[in-house]
């Protein structure tokens, strides 16, 4: 972890130096001044860049100066040739001029005009070419700057995460309660965002009991039935019991019971409605996850029925036809 932090800090420093140099290069393209890099290597790169730009500017300036000088000369030639051409026209009108001299004056005047057009085109092309070069350099440097800024943001975020991971973090539950289950995590394991660490049952909430119901008894069980809930850790003869009400029964059977053993059972949910426990320790508290057993009271009948039921069953069996 420490080596990752050190490597990231080195990369961030290098990226920052590149960013400062690139900002200075962009400012130089706009004939502005920006803070120069302090790193000798980056400063040397910056000076090499400015030398290239200055060379390009000077070459362009020299070429433009020469073209403007040539244009000035051509303009003088145009004026001179125009005067000569006009003079030859007047002489020929008076029939004292030579036609050959007139044609030659016309040709020279036309050529000087063409030369002027060509020079103006060269001046325009040279100016636009230099502007295109500068704009392309700006585009390239802006792309470099964007990439460096993105890298700077990403590396700073990574550095924050690395430093945060290096420190011990205390996770506090927003509620008070009882830890019902711990996930299978070990020391040094990585917990991803959204992963569960443990299951907490809040304090001061209604308690419910899940019970398994044998399918052969399901016809005698109904929602709303009274349930005696016995704590496995406390004998009911000494400590009493809890009283509950069956509030729901699963529509279908489950493939395994609450303890995870295979078998066909119905699942019932019991709401605790009365606490008839007695002689319990002072610090005793009902907690989620306690093992209990439930006796569903589906109805009442007189004691005599328990005594005569085996007799009635025997008589009914004996009277059936073979």
C-alpha atoms as a PDB file:
ATOM      1  CA  UNK A   1       0.000   0.000   0.000  1.00  0.00           C
ATOM      2  CA  UNK A   2       2.799   2.432   0.907  1.00  0.00           C
ATOM      3  CA  UNK A   3       4.599   1.717  -2.373  1.00  0.00           C
ATOM      4  CA  UNK A   4       1.386   2.373  -4.324  1.00  0.00           C
ATOM      5  CA  UNK A   5       1.014   5.730  -2.585  1.00  0.00           C
ATOM      6  CA  UNK A   6       4.633   6.656  -3.285  1.00  0.00           C
ATOM      7  CA  UNK A   7       4.378   5.655  -6.969  1.00  0.00           C
ATOM      8  CA  UNK A   8       1.152   7.629  -7.374  1.00  0.00           C
ATOM      9  CA  UNK A   9       2.697  10.721  -5.747  1.00  0.00           C
ATOM     10  CA  UNK A  10       5.697  10.515  -8.108  1.00  0.00           C
ATOM     11  CA  UNK A  11       3.426  10.178 -11.144  1.00  0.00           C
ATOM     12  CA  UNK A  12       1.240  13.037  -9.916  1.00  0.00           C
ATOM     13  CA  UNK A  13       4.270  15.312  -9.491  1.00  0.00           C
ATOM     14  CA  UNK A  14       5.515  14.491 -13.002  1.00  0.00           C
ATOM     15  CA  UNK A  15       2.044  15.066 -14.452  1.00  0.00           C
ATOM     16  CA  UNK A  16       1.801  18.426 -12.659  1.00  0.00           C
ATOM     17  CA  UNK A  17       5.142  19.545 -14.124  1.00  0.00           C
ATOM     18  CA  UNK A  18       3.970  18.549 -17.608  1.00  0.00           C
ATOM     19  CA  UNK A  19       0.736  20.447 -17.022  1.00  0.00           C
ATOM     20  CA  UNK A  20       2.560  23.646 -15.981  1.00  0.00           C
ATOM     21  CA  UNK A  21       4.810  23.439 -19.058  1.00  0.00           C
ATOM     22  CA  UNK A  22       1.860  22.869 -21.417  1.00  0.00           C
ATOM     23  CA  UNK A  23      -0.027  25.844 -19.954  1.00  0.00           C
ATOM     24  CA  UNK A  24       3.077  28.010 -20.461  1.00  0.00           C
ATOM     25  CA  UNK A  25       3.381  26.807 -24.088  1.00  0.00           C
ATOM     26  CA  UNK A  26      -0.270  27.652 -24.791  1.00  0.00           C
ATOM     27  CA  UNK A  27       0.199  31.112 -23.303  1.00  0.00           C
ATOM     28  CA  UNK A  28       3.305  31.632 -25.463  1.00  0.00           C
ATOM     29  CA  UNK A  29       1.293  30.825 -28.592  1.00  0.00           C
ATOM     30  CA  UNK A  30      -1.060  33.672 -27.616  1.00  0.00           C
ATOM     31  CA  UNK A  31       1.887  36.007 -26.985  1.00  0.00           C
ATOM     32  CA  UNK A  32       1.195  35.870 -23.245  1.00  0.00           C
ATOM     33  CA  UNK A  33       3.312  34.900 -20.282  1.00  0.00           C
ATOM     34  CA  UNK A  34       2.603  32.092 -17.814  1.00  0.00           C
ATOM     35  CA  UNK A  35       4.431  30.587 -14.836  1.00  0.00           C
ATOM     36  CA  UNK A  36       7.399  28.637 -16.161  1.00  0.00           C
ATOM     37  CA  UNK A  37       8.198  25.094 -15.003  1.00  0.00           C
ATOM     38  CA  UNK A  38      10.861  24.844 -12.299  1.00  0.00           C
ATOM     39  CA  UNK A  39      11.948  21.367 -13.323  1.00  0.00           C
ATOM     40  CA  UNK A  40      15.096  21.636 -15.468  1.00  0.00           C
ATOM     41  CA  UNK A  41      13.947  18.984 -17.945  1.00  0.00           C
ATOM     42  CA  UNK A  42      10.530  20.609 -18.400  1.00  0.00           C
ATOM     43  CA  UNK A  43      12.157  24.028 -18.700  1.00  0.00           C
ATOM     44  CA  UNK A  44      14.470  22.701 -21.434  1.00  0.00           C
ATOM     45  CA  UNK A  45      11.464  21.261 -23.305  1.00  0.00           C
ATOM     46  CA  UNK A  46       9.680  24.610 -23.002  1.00  0.00           C
ATOM     47  CA  UNK A  47      12.698  26.497 -24.374  1.00  0.00           C
ATOM     48  CA  UNK A  48      12.922  24.048 -27.273  1.00  0.00           C
ATOM     49  CA  UNK A  49       9.245  24.665 -28.028  1.00  0.00           C
ATOM     50  CA  UNK A  50       9.597  28.456 -27.938  1.00  0.00           C
ATOM     51  CA  UNK A  51      12.670  28.232 -30.188  1.00  0.00           C
ATOM     52  CA  UNK A  52      10.647  26.281 -32.745  1.00  0.00           C
ATOM     53  CA  UNK A  53       7.803  28.818 -32.609  1.00  0.00           C
ATOM     54  CA  UNK A  54      10.183  31.791 -32.823  1.00  0.00           C
ATOM     55  CA  UNK A  55      11.987  30.225 -35.791  1.00  0.00           C
ATOM     56  CA  UNK A  56       8.666  29.701 -37.549  1.00  0.00           C
ATOM     57  CA  UNK A  57       7.572  33.263 -36.787  1.00  0.00           C
ATOM     58  CA  UNK A  58      10.873  34.768 -37.932  1.00  0.00           C
ATOM     59  CA  UNK A  59      10.886  32.713 -41.139  1.00  0.00           C
ATOM     60  CA  UNK A  60       7.337  33.787 -41.866  1.00  0.00           C
ATOM     61  CA  UNK A  61       8.121  37.412 -41.028  1.00  0.00           C
ATOM     62  CA  UNK A  62      11.203  37.442 -43.288  1.00  0.00           C
ATOM     63  CA  UNK A  63       9.236  35.927 -46.137  1.00  0.00           C
ATOM     64  CA  UNK A  64       6.401  38.422 -45.718  1.00  0.00           C
ATOM     65  CA  UNK A  65       8.825  41.340 -45.587  1.00  0.00           C
ATOM     66  CA  UNK A  66      10.449  40.225 -48.836  1.00  0.00           C
ATOM     67  CA  UNK A  67       7.078  39.743 -50.514  1.00  0.00           C
ATOM     68  CA  UNK A  68       5.961  43.211 -49.424  1.00  0.00           C
ATOM     69  CA  UNK A  69       9.193  44.707 -50.789  1.00  0.00           C
ATOM     70  CA  UNK A  70       8.592  42.920 -54.098  1.00  0.00           C
ATOM     71  CA  UNK A  71       5.010  44.144 -54.089  1.00  0.00           C
ATOM     72  CA  UNK A  72       6.156  47.722 -53.597  1.00  0.00           C
ATOM     73  CA  UNK A  73       8.565  47.383 -56.540  1.00  0.00           C
ATOM     74  CA  UNK A  74       5.815  45.905 -58.710  1.00  0.00           C
ATOM     75  CA  UNK A  75       3.480  48.764 -57.831  1.00  0.00           C
ATOM     76  CA  UNK A  76       6.142  51.224 -59.021  1.00  0.00           C
ATOM     77  CA  UNK A  77       6.536  49.195 -62.218  1.00  0.00           C
ATOM     78  CA  UNK A  78       2.777  49.230 -62.705  1.00  0.00           C
ATOM     79  CA  UNK A  79       2.703  53.011 -62.404  1.00  0.00           C
ATOM     80  CA  UNK A  80       5.613  53.395 -64.804  1.00  0.00           C
ATOM     81  CA  UNK A  81       4.201  50.879 -67.311  1.00  0.00           C
ATOM     82  CA  UNK A  82       0.777  52.505 -67.100  1.00  0.00           C
ATOM     83  CA  UNK A  83       2.232  55.894 -67.957  1.00  0.00           C
ATOM     84  CA  UNK A  84       4.188  54.414 -70.894  1.00  0.00           C
ATOM     85  CA  UNK A  85       1.132  52.522 -72.113  1.00  0.00           C
ATOM     86  CA  UNK A  86      -1.027  55.660 -71.941  1.00  0.00           C
ATOM     87  CA  UNK A  87       1.668  57.651 -73.795  1.00  0.00           C
ATOM     88  CA  UNK A  88       1.832  55.073 -76.602  1.00  0.00           C
ATOM     89  CA  UNK A  89      -1.956  55.188 -76.903  1.00  0.00           C
ATOM     90  CA  UNK A  90      -1.869  58.974 -77.386  1.00  0.00           C
ATOM     91  CA  UNK A  91       0.955  58.762 -79.928  1.00  0.00           C
ATOM     92  CA  UNK A  92      -0.942  56.177 -81.965  1.00  0.00           C
ATOM     93  CA  UNK A  93      -4.059  58.319 -81.878  1.00  0.00           C
ATOM     94  CA  UNK A  94      -2.030  61.114 -83.480  1.00  0.00           C
ATOM     95  CA  UNK A  95      -0.572  58.623 -85.986  1.00  0.00           C
ATOM     96  CA  UNK A  96       2.950  59.432 -84.876  1.00  0.00           C
ATOM     97  CA  UNK A  97       3.516  56.368 -82.712  1.00  0.00           C
ATOM     98  CA  UNK A  98       4.722  52.896 -83.615  1.00  0.00           C
ATOM     99  CA  UNK A  99       2.207  50.089 -83.210  1.00  0.00           C
ATOM    100  CA  UNK A 100       4.911  47.658 -82.077  1.00  0.00           C
ATOM    101  CA  UNK A 101       5.840  50.012 -79.220  1.00  0.00           C
ATOM    102  CA  UNK A 102       2.148  50.191 -78.236  1.00  0.00           C
ATOM    103  CA  UNK A 103       1.823  46.392 -78.067  1.00  0.00           C
ATOM    104  CA  UNK A 104       5.028  46.112 -76.081  1.00  0.00           C
ATOM    105  CA  UNK A 105       3.808  48.764 -73.593  1.00  0.00           C
ATOM    106  CA  UNK A 106       0.453  46.960 -73.260  1.00  0.00           C
ATOM    107  CA  UNK A 107       2.225  43.614 -72.601  1.00  0.00           C
ATOM    108  CA  UNK A 108       4.517  45.081 -69.941  1.00  0.00           C
ATOM    109  CA  UNK A 109       1.590  46.756 -68.207  1.00  0.00           C
ATOM    110  CA  UNK A 110      -0.406  43.518 -68.225  1.00  0.00           C
ATOM    111  CA  UNK A 111       2.547  41.481 -66.908  1.00  0.00           C
ATOM    112  CA  UNK A 112       3.133  43.894 -64.058  1.00  0.00           C
ATOM    113  CA  UNK A 113      -0.543  43.604 -63.071  1.00  0.00           C
ATOM    114  CA  UNK A 114      -0.279  39.803 -63.123  1.00  0.00           C
ATOM    115  CA  UNK A 115       2.862  39.965 -60.985  1.00  0.00           C
ATOM    116  CA  UNK A 116       1.019  42.126 -58.469  1.00  0.00           C
ATOM    117  CA  UNK A 117      -1.843  39.604 -58.267  1.00  0.00           C
ATOM    118  CA  UNK A 118       0.610  36.743 -57.812  1.00  0.00           C
ATOM    119  CA  UNK A 119       2.487  38.545 -55.023  1.00  0.00           C
ATOM    120  CA  UNK A 120      -0.740  39.386 -53.179  1.00  0.00           C
ATOM    121  CA  UNK A 121      -1.749  35.724 -53.406  1.00  0.00           C
ATOM    122  CA  UNK A 122       1.635  34.649 -52.016  1.00  0.00           C
ATOM    123  CA  UNK A 123       1.312  37.126 -49.146  1.00  0.00           C
ATOM    124  CA  UNK A 124      -2.158  35.784 -48.345  1.00  0.00           C
ATOM    125  CA  UNK A 125      -1.022  32.148 -48.524  1.00  0.00           C
ATOM    126  CA  UNK A 126       1.998  32.838 -46.324  1.00  0.00           C
ATOM    127  CA  UNK A 127      -0.126  34.620 -43.716  1.00  0.00           C
ATOM    128  CA  UNK A 128      -2.792  31.894 -43.709  1.00  0.00           C
ATOM    129  CA  UNK A 129      -0.186  29.142 -43.603  1.00  0.00           C
ATOM    130  CA  UNK A 130       1.435  30.664 -40.530  1.00  0.00           C
ATOM    131  CA  UNK A 131      -1.959  31.149 -38.875  1.00  0.00           C
ATOM    132  CA  UNK A 132      -2.893  27.525 -39.630  1.00  0.00           C
ATOM    133  CA  UNK A 133       0.407  26.371 -38.123  1.00  0.00           C
ATOM    134  CA  UNK A 134      -0.223  28.351 -34.931  1.00  0.00           C
ATOM    135  CA  UNK A 135      -3.841  27.106 -34.698  1.00  0.00           C
ATOM    136  CA  UNK A 136      -2.733  23.503 -35.166  1.00  0.00           C
ATOM    137  CA  UNK A 137      -0.152  23.931 -32.425  1.00  0.00           C
ATOM    138  CA  UNK A 138      -2.849  25.377 -30.149  1.00  0.00           C
ATOM    139  CA  UNK A 139      -5.156  22.451 -30.897  1.00  0.00           C
ATOM    140  CA  UNK A 140      -2.408  19.947 -30.136  1.00  0.00           C
ATOM    141  CA  UNK A 141      -1.463  21.680 -26.895  1.00  0.00           C
ATOM    142  CA  UNK A 142      -5.106  21.977 -25.798  1.00  0.00           C
ATOM    143  CA  UNK A 143      -5.563  18.239 -26.323  1.00  0.00           C
ATOM    144  CA  UNK A 144      -2.406  17.580 -24.320  1.00  0.00           C
ATOM    145  CA  UNK A 145      -3.639  19.908 -21.587  1.00  0.00           C
ATOM    146  CA  UNK A 146      -7.038  18.177 -21.388  1.00  0.00           C
ATOM    147  CA  UNK A 147      -5.363  14.779 -21.087  1.00  0.00           C
ATOM    148  CA  UNK A 148      -3.030  16.071 -18.369  1.00  0.00           C
ATOM    149  CA  UNK A 149      -5.923  17.638 -16.421  1.00  0.00           C
ATOM    150  CA  UNK A 150      -7.895  14.369 -16.626  1.00  0.00           C
ATOM    151  CA  UNK A 151      -4.852  12.456 -15.413  1.00  0.00           C
ATOM    152  CA  UNK A 152      -4.354  14.955 -12.602  1.00  0.00           C
ATOM    153  CA  UNK A 153      -7.943  14.497 -11.389  1.00  0.00           C
ATOM    154  CA  UNK A 154      -7.771  10.694 -11.641  1.00  0.00           C
ATOM    155  CA  UNK A 155      -4.445  10.440  -9.807  1.00  0.00           C
ATOM    156  CA  UNK A 156      -5.541  12.796  -7.026  1.00  0.00           C
ATOM    157  CA  UNK A 157      -8.688  10.713  -6.513  1.00  0.00           C
ATOM    158  CA  UNK A 158      -6.616   7.521  -6.505  1.00  0.00           C
ATOM    159  CA  UNK A 159      -4.214   9.037  -3.969  1.00  0.00           C
ATOM    160  CA  UNK A 160      -7.089   9.959  -1.667  1.00  0.00           C
ATOM    161  CA  UNK A 161      -8.487   6.414  -1.880  1.00  0.00           C
ATOM    162  CA  UNK A 162      -5.077   4.842  -1.245  1.00  0.00           C
ATOM    163  CA  UNK A 163      -4.467   7.010   1.815  1.00  0.00           C
ATOM    164  CA  UNK A 164      -7.973   6.326   3.054  1.00  0.00           C
ATOM    165  CA  UNK A 165      -7.505   2.577   2.646  1.00  0.00           C
ATOM    166  CA  UNK A 166      -4.222   2.786   4.532  1.00  0.00           C
ATOM    167  CA  UNK A 167      -5.996   4.026   7.619  1.00  0.00           C
ATOM    168  CA  UNK A 168      -8.192   1.967   9.938  1.00  0.00           C
ATOM    169  CA  UNK A 169     -11.850   2.811   9.435  1.00  0.00           C
ATOM    170  CA  UNK A 170     -14.517   2.532  12.149  1.00  0.00           C
ATOM    171  CA  UNK A 171     -17.906   1.631  10.735  1.00  0.00           C
ATOM    172  CA  UNK A 172     -20.759   2.705  12.988  1.00  0.00           C
ATOM    173  CA  UNK A 173     -24.282   1.361  12.623  1.00  0.00           C
ATOM    174  CA  UNK A 174     -26.940   4.090  12.334  1.00  0.00           C
ATOM    175  CA  UNK A 175     -29.168   2.084  14.724  1.00  0.00           C
ATOM    176  CA  UNK A 176     -28.766   0.284  18.051  1.00  0.00           C
ATOM    177  CA  UNK A 177     -29.498  -3.404  18.030  1.00  0.00           C
ATOM    178  CA  UNK A 178     -28.265  -6.946  18.204  1.00  0.00           C
ATOM    179  CA  UNK A 179     -25.890  -8.526  15.712  1.00  0.00           C
ATOM    180  CA  UNK A 180     -27.814 -11.473  14.327  1.00  0.00           C
ATOM    181  CA  UNK A 181     -25.353 -12.670  11.700  1.00  0.00           C
ATOM    182  CA  UNK A 182     -21.776 -12.001  10.591  1.00  0.00           C
ATOM    183  CA  UNK A 183     -20.833 -12.461   6.941  1.00  0.00           C
ATOM    184  CA  UNK A 184     -17.933 -14.730   6.009  1.00  0.00           C
ATOM    185  CA  UNK A 185     -15.221 -12.064   6.017  1.00  0.00           C
ATOM    186  CA  UNK A 186     -11.723 -12.507   7.374  1.00  0.00           C
ATOM    187  CA  UNK A 187      -8.963 -10.077   8.386  1.00  0.00           C
ATOM    188  CA  UNK A 188      -7.486  -8.456   5.305  1.00  0.00           C
ATOM    189  CA  UNK A 189     -10.380  -9.320   3.002  1.00  0.00           C
ATOM    190  CA  UNK A 190     -11.582  -6.647   0.570  1.00  0.00           C
ATOM    191  CA  UNK A 191     -15.160  -5.467   0.958  1.00  0.00           C
ATOM    192  CA  UNK A 192     -16.675  -4.063  -2.198  1.00  0.00           C
ATOM    193  CA  UNK A 193     -19.257  -1.249  -2.164  1.00  0.00           C
ATOM    194  CA  UNK A 194     -22.688  -2.713  -1.458  1.00  0.00           C
ATOM    195  CA  UNK A 195     -21.388  -5.889   0.236  1.00  0.00           C
ATOM    196  CA  UNK A 196     -22.958  -6.846   3.566  1.00  0.00           C
ATOM    197  CA  UNK A 197     -20.805  -7.089   6.688  1.00  0.00           C
ATOM    198  CA  UNK A 198     -23.367  -8.165   9.263  1.00  0.00           C
ATOM    199  CA  UNK A 199     -27.085  -8.300  10.015  1.00  0.00           C
ATOM    200  CA  UNK A 200     -28.424  -6.163  12.876  1.00  0.00           C
ATOM    201  CA  UNK A 201     -31.865  -6.450  14.471  1.00  0.00           C
ATOM    202  CA  UNK A 202     -32.923  -3.054  15.859  1.00  0.00           C
ATOM    203  CA  UNK A 203     -33.831  -2.670  19.527  1.00  0.00           C
ATOM    204  CA  UNK A 204     -37.381  -1.970  20.713  1.00  0.00           C
ATOM    205  CA  UNK A 205     -39.100  -3.673  17.794  1.00  0.00           C
ATOM    206  CA  UNK A 206     -41.807  -6.317  17.805  1.00  0.00           C
ATOM    207  CA  UNK A 207     -40.506  -9.882  18.113  1.00  0.00           C
ATOM    208  CA  UNK A 208     -41.671 -12.683  15.867  1.00  0.00           C
ATOM    209  CA  UNK A 209     -41.025 -16.421  15.916  1.00  0.00           C
ATOM    210  CA  UNK A 210     -40.686 -18.636  12.862  1.00  0.00           C
ATOM    211  CA  UNK A 211     -41.929 -22.193  13.392  1.00  0.00           C
ATOM    212  CA  UNK A 212     -42.051 -25.346  11.290  1.00  0.00           C
ATOM    213  CA  UNK A 213     -45.396 -27.145  11.026  1.00  0.00           C
ATOM    214  CA  UNK A 214     -45.590 -30.847  10.199  1.00  0.00           C
ATOM    215  CA  UNK A 215     -47.784 -31.381   7.101  1.00  0.00           C
ATOM    216  CA  UNK A 216     -49.784 -34.072   8.932  1.00  0.00           C
ATOM    217  CA  UNK A 217     -50.898 -31.451  11.467  1.00  0.00           C
ATOM    218  CA  UNK A 218     -51.590 -28.634   9.015  1.00  0.00           C
ATOM    219  CA  UNK A 219     -55.369 -29.293   8.981  1.00  0.00           C
ATOM    220  CA  UNK A 220     -55.542 -28.493  12.689  1.00  0.00           C
ATOM    221  CA  UNK A 221     -53.580 -25.245  12.390  1.00  0.00           C
ATOM    222  CA  UNK A 222     -55.077 -21.914  11.352  1.00  0.00           C
ATOM    223  CA  UNK A 223     -54.097 -18.248  11.334  1.00  0.00           C
ATOM    224  CA  UNK A 224     -54.990 -16.540  14.588  1.00  0.00           C
ATOM    225  CA  UNK A 225     -54.378 -19.662  16.667  1.00  0.00           C
ATOM    226  CA  UNK A 226     -52.799 -19.192  20.079  1.00  0.00           C
ATOM    227  CA  UNK A 227     -49.214 -20.426  20.409  1.00  0.00           C
ATOM    228  CA  UNK A 228     -47.208 -21.283  23.508  1.00  0.00           C
ATOM    229  CA  UNK A 229     -43.590 -20.360  22.861  1.00  0.00           C
ATOM    230  CA  UNK A 230     -41.034 -22.175  25.018  1.00  0.00           C
ATOM    231  CA  UNK A 231     -37.424 -21.054  25.309  1.00  0.00           C
ATOM    232  CA  UNK A 232     -34.968 -23.923  24.870  1.00  0.00           C
ATOM    233  CA  UNK A 233     -32.538 -22.272  27.297  1.00  0.00           C
ATOM    234  CA  UNK A 234     -35.135 -21.945  30.078  1.00  0.00           C
ATOM    235  CA  UNK A 235     -37.371 -24.822  31.207  1.00  0.00           C
ATOM    236  CA  UNK A 236     -40.988 -23.716  31.071  1.00  0.00           C
ATOM    237  CA  UNK A 237     -41.818 -25.453  34.374  1.00  0.00           C
ATOM    238  CA  UNK A 238     -39.473 -23.029  36.164  1.00  0.00           C
ATOM    239  CA  UNK A 239     -39.458 -19.910  34.020  1.00  0.00           C
ATOM    240  CA  UNK A 240     -42.812 -19.925  32.293  1.00  0.00           C
ATOM    241  CA  UNK A 241     -43.452 -19.213  28.632  1.00  0.00           C
ATOM    242  CA  UNK A 242     -44.243 -16.640  25.985  1.00  0.00           C
ATOM    243  CA  UNK A 243     -47.662 -16.349  24.415  1.00  0.00           C
ATOM    244  CA  UNK A 244     -47.993 -15.728  20.717  1.00  0.00           C
ATOM    245  CA  UNK A 245     -50.489 -15.642  17.885  1.00  0.00           C
ATOM    246  CA  UNK A 246     -50.024 -17.395  14.564  1.00  0.00           C
ATOM    247  CA  UNK A 247     -50.316 -14.594  11.999  1.00  0.00           C
ATOM    248  CA  UNK A 248     -49.328 -16.371   8.784  1.00  0.00           C
ATOM    249  CA  UNK A 249     -48.793 -19.842   7.286  1.00  0.00           C
ATOM    250  CA  UNK A 250     -46.896 -20.521   4.077  1.00  0.00           C
ATOM    251  CA  UNK A 251     -49.078 -21.554   1.134  1.00  0.00           C
ATOM    252  CA  UNK A 252     -46.734 -24.380   0.137  1.00  0.00           C
ATOM    253  CA  UNK A 253     -44.317 -26.645   1.943  1.00  0.00           C
ATOM    254  CA  UNK A 254     -40.615 -25.873   2.235  1.00  0.00           C
ATOM    255  CA  UNK A 255     -37.829 -28.310   1.316  1.00  0.00           C
ATOM    256  CA  UNK A 256     -35.938 -27.840   4.577  1.00  0.00           C
ATOM    257  CA  UNK A 257     -36.711 -26.754   8.110  1.00  0.00           C
ATOM    258  CA  UNK A 258     -35.438 -23.691   9.960  1.00  0.00           C
ATOM    259  CA  UNK A 259     -32.315 -25.511  11.142  1.00  0.00           C
ATOM    260  CA  UNK A 260     -31.440 -26.400   7.541  1.00  0.00           C
ATOM    261  CA  UNK A 261     -32.292 -30.097   7.670  1.00  0.00           C
ATOM    262  CA  UNK A 262     -34.021 -31.608   4.656  1.00  0.00           C
ATOM    263  CA  UNK A 263     -37.717 -32.287   5.074  1.00  0.00           C
ATOM    264  CA  UNK A 264     -41.153 -31.130   4.016  1.00  0.00           C
ATOM    265  CA  UNK A 265     -42.605 -28.521   6.375  1.00  0.00           C
ATOM    266  CA  UNK A 266     -44.930 -25.557   6.376  1.00  0.00           C
ATOM    267  CA  UNK A 267     -43.510 -22.294   7.692  1.00  0.00           C
ATOM    268  CA  UNK A 268     -45.479 -20.291  10.229  1.00  0.00           C
ATOM    269  CA  UNK A 269     -44.922 -16.833  11.675  1.00  0.00           C
ATOM    270  CA  UNK A 270     -45.873 -16.115  15.267  1.00  0.00           C
ATOM    271  CA  UNK A 271     -46.260 -12.681  16.850  1.00  0.00           C
ATOM    272  CA  UNK A 272     -45.359 -12.457  20.553  1.00  0.00           C
ATOM    273  CA  UNK A 273     -48.335 -10.900  22.339  1.00  0.00           C
ATOM    274  CA  UNK A 274     -47.551 -11.683  26.003  1.00  0.00           C
ATOM    275  CA  UNK A 275     -44.487 -12.334  28.114  1.00  0.00           C
ATOM    276  CA  UNK A 276     -45.268 -14.759  30.937  1.00  0.00           C
ATOM    277  CA  UNK A 277     -41.660 -15.499  31.836  1.00  0.00           C
ATOM    278  CA  UNK A 278     -40.756 -15.564  35.527  1.00  0.00           C
ATOM    279  CA  UNK A 279     -37.696 -16.005  37.710  1.00  0.00           C
ATOM    280  CA  UNK A 280     -35.370 -14.833  34.934  1.00  0.00           C
ATOM    281  CA  UNK A 281     -31.929 -13.232  35.531  1.00  0.00           C
ATOM    282  CA  UNK A 282     -31.896  -9.450  35.987  1.00  0.00           C
ATOM    283  CA  UNK A 283     -29.962  -8.824  32.793  1.00  0.00           C
ATOM    284  CA  UNK A 284     -32.053 -11.236  30.723  1.00  0.00           C
ATOM    285  CA  UNK A 285     -33.374  -9.870  27.437  1.00  0.00           C
ATOM    286  CA  UNK A 286     -35.212 -11.544  24.613  1.00  0.00           C
ATOM    287  CA  UNK A 287     -32.884 -11.501  21.642  1.00  0.00           C
ATOM    288  CA  UNK A 288     -33.312 -12.420  17.989  1.00  0.00           C
ATOM    289  CA  UNK A 289     -31.874 -15.807  17.120  1.00  0.00           C
ATOM    290  CA  UNK A 290     -32.842 -17.581  20.331  1.00  0.00           C
ATOM    291  CA  UNK A 291     -33.919 -21.195  19.856  1.00  0.00           C
ATOM    292  CA  UNK A 292     -37.541 -21.814  20.816  1.00  0.00           C
ATOM    293  CA  UNK A 293     -40.261 -24.377  20.307  1.00  0.00           C
ATOM    294  CA  UNK A 294     -43.923 -23.643  19.772  1.00  0.00           C
ATOM    295  CA  UNK A 295     -47.108 -25.478  20.711  1.00  0.00           C
ATOM    296  CA  UNK A 296     -50.049 -24.365  18.577  1.00  0.00           C
ATOM    297  CA  UNK A 297     -53.362 -24.495  20.426  1.00  0.00           C
ATOM    298  CA  UNK A 298     -55.893 -25.280  17.720  1.00  0.00           C
ATOM    299  CA  UNK A 299     -58.889 -25.773  20.049  1.00  0.00           C
ATOM    300  CA  UNK A 300     -60.211 -27.345  23.256  1.00  0.00           C
ATOM    301  CA  UNK A 301     -62.255 -30.442  24.081  1.00  0.00           C
ATOM    302  CA  UNK A 302     -63.349 -32.252  27.231  1.00  0.00           C
ATOM    303  CA  UNK A 303     -60.961 -34.673  28.935  1.00  0.00           C
ATOM    304  CA  UNK A 304     -63.450 -37.548  28.504  1.00  0.00           C
ATOM    305  CA  UNK A 305     -62.927 -37.449  24.728  1.00  0.00           C
ATOM    306  CA  UNK A 306     -59.289 -38.374  25.193  1.00  0.00           C
ATOM    307  CA  UNK A 307     -60.396 -41.418  27.230  1.00  0.00           C
ATOM    308  CA  UNK A 308     -63.137 -42.743  24.930  1.00  0.00           C
ATOM    309  CA  UNK A 309     -61.471 -41.918  21.588  1.00  0.00           C
ATOM    310  CA  UNK A 310     -59.414 -45.201  21.507  1.00  0.00           C
ATOM    311  CA  UNK A 311     -62.592 -47.194  22.266  1.00  0.00           C
ATOM    312  CA  UNK A 312     -64.575 -45.487  19.503  1.00  0.00           C
ATOM    313  CA  UNK A 313     -61.712 -46.006  17.071  1.00  0.00           C
ATOM    314  CA  UNK A 314     -61.574 -49.747  17.920  1.00  0.00           C
ATOM    315  CA  UNK A 315     -65.357 -50.178  17.502  1.00  0.00           C
ATOM    316  CA  UNK A 316     -65.334 -48.375  14.132  1.00  0.00           C
ATOM    317  CA  UNK A 317     -62.516 -50.581  12.933  1.00  0.00           C
ATOM    318  CA  UNK A 318     -64.187 -53.784  14.137  1.00  0.00           C
ATOM    319  CA  UNK A 319     -67.505 -52.974  12.458  1.00  0.00           C
ATOM    320  CA  UNK A 320     -66.025 -52.522   9.002  1.00  0.00           C
ATOM    321  CA  UNK A 321     -66.747 -55.246   6.459  1.00  0.00           C
ATOM    322  CA  UNK A 322     -63.814 -57.507   5.635  1.00  0.00           C
END
